[in-house]
Amino acid sequence: MKIKSSVIALIVLSVWALFSVVFIGWNAWQQFKANQATVAFNNGANQGYQKAIFDIAKAFSQKCEPLPLNLGKDSEGKDQSMEIIATACLQKPSDSAAPAAEKK
């Protein structure tokens, strides 16, 4: 029994198509998993940033005095810091301060 070349070509093309579909599907699945991991990492990082900002704001609003905030090192390697205070503390009248002039 002799196999025609068209049948062989059909088998080869079918195997090639099956291989291509499996490879493309596997590659898409790997990219999907990697993307999900990146999304989860970014969500966690954003939640951490939000919690840090909330914690800093809460700590600074509880004390009405300037508190130091370490900013890290600048491009020259020098430590950078600043003092911050809650704006609500700036608006509280001080016992020793003169009353602010009223605007007309």
C-alpha atoms as a PDB file:
ATOM      1  CA  MET A   1       0.000   0.000   0.000  1.00  0.00           C
ATOM      2  CA  LYS A   2       1.444   3.251  -1.105  1.00  0.00           C
ATOM      3  CA  ILE A   3       0.812   6.437   0.895  1.00  0.00           C
ATOM      4  CA  LYS A   4       0.196   9.469  -1.213  1.00  0.00           C
ATOM      5  CA  SER A   5       2.312  12.562  -0.667  1.00  0.00           C
ATOM      6  CA  SER A   6      -0.807  14.619  -0.040  1.00  0.00           C
ATOM      7  CA  VAL A   7      -1.700  12.380   2.938  1.00  0.00           C
ATOM      8  CA  ILE A   8       1.846  12.741   4.340  1.00  0.00           C
ATOM      9  CA  ALA A   9       1.681  16.509   3.888  1.00  0.00           C
ATOM     10  CA  LEU A  10      -1.696  16.578   5.676  1.00  0.00           C
ATOM     11  CA  ILE A  11      -0.296  14.575   8.622  1.00  0.00           C
ATOM     12  CA  VAL A  12       2.806  16.787   8.875  1.00  0.00           C
ATOM     13  CA  LEU A  13       0.721  19.956   8.748  1.00  0.00           C
ATOM     14  CA  SER A  14      -1.711  18.591  11.356  1.00  0.00           C
ATOM     15  CA  VAL A  15       1.147  17.720  13.714  1.00  0.00           C
ATOM     16  CA  TRP A  16       2.709  21.151  13.106  1.00  0.00           C
ATOM     17  CA  ALA A  17      -0.623  22.907  13.771  1.00  0.00           C
ATOM     18  CA  LEU A  18      -1.164  20.908  16.974  1.00  0.00           C
ATOM     19  CA  PHE A  19       2.369  21.701  18.152  1.00  0.00           C
ATOM     20  CA  SER A  20       1.841  25.396  17.364  1.00  0.00           C
ATOM     21  CA  VAL A  21      -1.448  25.574  19.267  1.00  0.00           C
ATOM     22  CA  VAL A  22       0.056  23.831  22.306  1.00  0.00           C
ATOM     23  CA  PHE A  23       3.172  26.043  22.262  1.00  0.00           C
ATOM     24  CA  ILE A  24       1.201  29.283  21.859  1.00  0.00           C
ATOM     25  CA  GLY A  25      -1.212  28.243  24.615  1.00  0.00           C
ATOM     26  CA  TRP A  26       1.641  27.328  26.974  1.00  0.00           C
ATOM     27  CA  ASN A  27       3.425  30.618  26.239  1.00  0.00           C
ATOM     28  CA  ALA A  28       0.225  32.625  26.841  1.00  0.00           C
ATOM     29  CA  TRP A  29      -0.330  30.767  30.131  1.00  0.00           C
ATOM     30  CA  GLN A  30       3.221  31.553  31.300  1.00  0.00           C
ATOM     31  CA  GLN A  31       2.763  35.240  30.481  1.00  0.00           C
ATOM     32  CA  PHE A  32      -0.600  35.257  32.268  1.00  0.00           C
ATOM     33  CA  LYS A  33       0.956  33.761  35.406  1.00  0.00           C
ATOM     34  CA  ALA A  34       3.845  36.246  35.296  1.00  0.00           C
ATOM     35  CA  ASN A  35       1.403  39.132  34.837  1.00  0.00           C
ATOM     36  CA  GLN A  36      -0.689  37.953  37.780  1.00  0.00           C
ATOM     37  CA  ALA A  37       2.404  37.804  39.970  1.00  0.00           C
ATOM     38  CA  THR A  38       3.371  41.329  38.919  1.00  0.00           C
ATOM     39  CA  VAL A  39      -0.131  42.630  39.621  1.00  0.00           C
ATOM     40  CA  ALA A  40      -0.146  40.981  43.049  1.00  0.00           C
ATOM     41  CA  PHE A  41       3.291  42.434  43.840  1.00  0.00           C
ATOM     42  CA  ASN A  42       2.242  45.933  42.751  1.00  0.00           C
ATOM     43  CA  ASN A  43      -0.986  45.735  44.768  1.00  0.00           C
ATOM     44  CA  GLY A  44       0.976  44.704  47.841  1.00  0.00           C
ATOM     45  CA  ALA A  45       3.501  47.480  47.318  1.00  0.00           C
ATOM     46  CA  ASN A  46       0.738  50.073  46.924  1.00  0.00           C
ATOM     47  CA  GLN A  47      -0.974  48.868  50.092  1.00  0.00           C
ATOM     48  CA  GLY A  48       2.343  49.151  51.906  1.00  0.00           C
ATOM     49  CA  TYR A  49       2.859  52.706  50.663  1.00  0.00           C
ATOM     50  CA  GLN A  50      -0.670  53.669  51.706  1.00  0.00           C
ATOM     51  CA  LYS A  51      -0.219  52.146  55.154  1.00  0.00           C
ATOM     52  CA  ALA A  52       3.112  53.919  55.627  1.00  0.00           C
ATOM     53  CA  ILE A  53       1.617  57.283  54.671  1.00  0.00           C
ATOM     54  CA  PHE A  54      -1.385  56.666  56.933  1.00  0.00           C
ATOM     55  CA  ASP A  55       0.872  55.682  59.842  1.00  0.00           C
ATOM     56  CA  ILE A  56       3.073  58.749  59.336  1.00  0.00           C
ATOM     57  CA  ALA A  57       0.050  61.055  59.134  1.00  0.00           C
ATOM     58  CA  LYS A  58      -1.449  59.496  62.252  1.00  0.00           C
ATOM     59  CA  ALA A  59       1.803  59.815  64.206  1.00  0.00           C
ATOM     60  CA  PHE A  60       2.335  63.435  63.173  1.00  0.00           C
ATOM     61  CA  SER A  61      -1.247  64.489  63.895  1.00  0.00           C
ATOM     62  CA  GLN A  62      -1.035  63.137  67.445  1.00  0.00           C
ATOM     63  CA  LYS A  63       1.883  65.364  68.398  1.00  0.00           C
ATOM     64  CA  CYS A  64       1.696  69.065  67.701  1.00  0.00           C
ATOM     65  CA  GLU A  65       5.409  69.531  67.359  1.00  0.00           C
ATOM     66  CA  PRO A  66       7.728  69.176  64.378  1.00  0.00           C
ATOM     67  CA  LEU A  67       8.883  65.607  63.957  1.00  0.00           C
ATOM     68  CA  PRO A  68      11.872  64.504  61.878  1.00  0.00           C
ATOM     69  CA  LEU A  69      11.334  62.550  58.673  1.00  0.00           C
ATOM     70  CA  ASN A  70      14.325  60.754  57.164  1.00  0.00           C
ATOM     71  CA  LEU A  71      14.289  61.032  53.363  1.00  0.00           C
ATOM     72  CA  GLY A  72      17.345  58.864  52.710  1.00  0.00           C
ATOM     73  CA  LYS A  73      20.437  59.768  50.739  1.00  0.00           C
ATOM     74  CA  ASP A  74      20.574  62.223  47.875  1.00  0.00           C
ATOM     75  CA  SER A  75      22.587  61.818  44.656  1.00  0.00           C
ATOM     76  CA  GLU A  76      25.742  63.001  46.447  1.00  0.00           C
ATOM     77  CA  GLY A  77      25.344  60.443  49.233  1.00  0.00           C
ATOM     78  CA  LYS A  78      24.368  62.949  51.906  1.00  0.00           C
ATOM     79  CA  ASP A  79      21.602  62.047  54.351  1.00  0.00           C
ATOM     80  CA  GLN A  80      18.493  64.118  53.759  1.00  0.00           C
ATOM     81  CA  SER A  81      15.831  64.760  56.361  1.00  0.00           C
ATOM     82  CA  MET A  82      13.178  67.313  57.108  1.00  0.00           C
ATOM     83  CA  GLU A  83      10.821  68.181  59.905  1.00  0.00           C
ATOM     84  CA  ILE A  84       7.115  68.005  59.284  1.00  0.00           C
ATOM     85  CA  ILE A  85       4.106  69.036  61.320  1.00  0.00           C
ATOM     86  CA  ALA A  86       0.387  68.523  60.826  1.00  0.00           C
ATOM     87  CA  THR A  87      -1.411  71.554  59.407  1.00  0.00           C
ATOM     88  CA  ALA A  88      -4.121  71.141  62.045  1.00  0.00           C
ATOM     89  CA  CYS A  89      -1.453  71.920  64.642  1.00  0.00           C
ATOM     90  CA  LEU A  90      -0.539  75.122  62.815  1.00  0.00           C
ATOM     91  CA  GLN A  91      -4.136  76.307  62.979  1.00  0.00           C
ATOM     92  CA  LYS A  92      -4.502  75.800  66.732  1.00  0.00           C
ATOM     93  CA  PRO A  93      -4.159  79.049  68.660  1.00  0.00           C
ATOM     94  CA  SER A  94      -1.260  79.100  71.038  1.00  0.00           C
ATOM     95  CA  ASP A  95      -1.747  80.432  74.588  1.00  0.00           C
ATOM     96  CA  SER A  96       1.303  82.657  74.315  1.00  0.00           C
ATOM     97  CA  ALA A  97       0.700  83.822  70.745  1.00  0.00           C
ATOM     98  CA  ALA A  98      -1.137  87.036  69.923  1.00  0.00           C
ATOM     99  CA  PRO A  99      -4.517  86.544  68.246  1.00  0.00           C
ATOM    100  CA  ALA A 100      -4.467  86.763  64.490  1.00  0.00           C
ATOM    101  CA  ALA A 101      -5.866  89.893  62.896  1.00  0.00           C
ATOM    102  CA  GLU A 102      -9.341  89.420  61.501  1.00  0.00           C
ATOM    103  CA  LYS A 103      -9.784  89.968  57.792  1.00  0.00           C
ATOM    104  CA  LYS A 104     -12.489  92.361  56.664  1.00  0.00           C
END
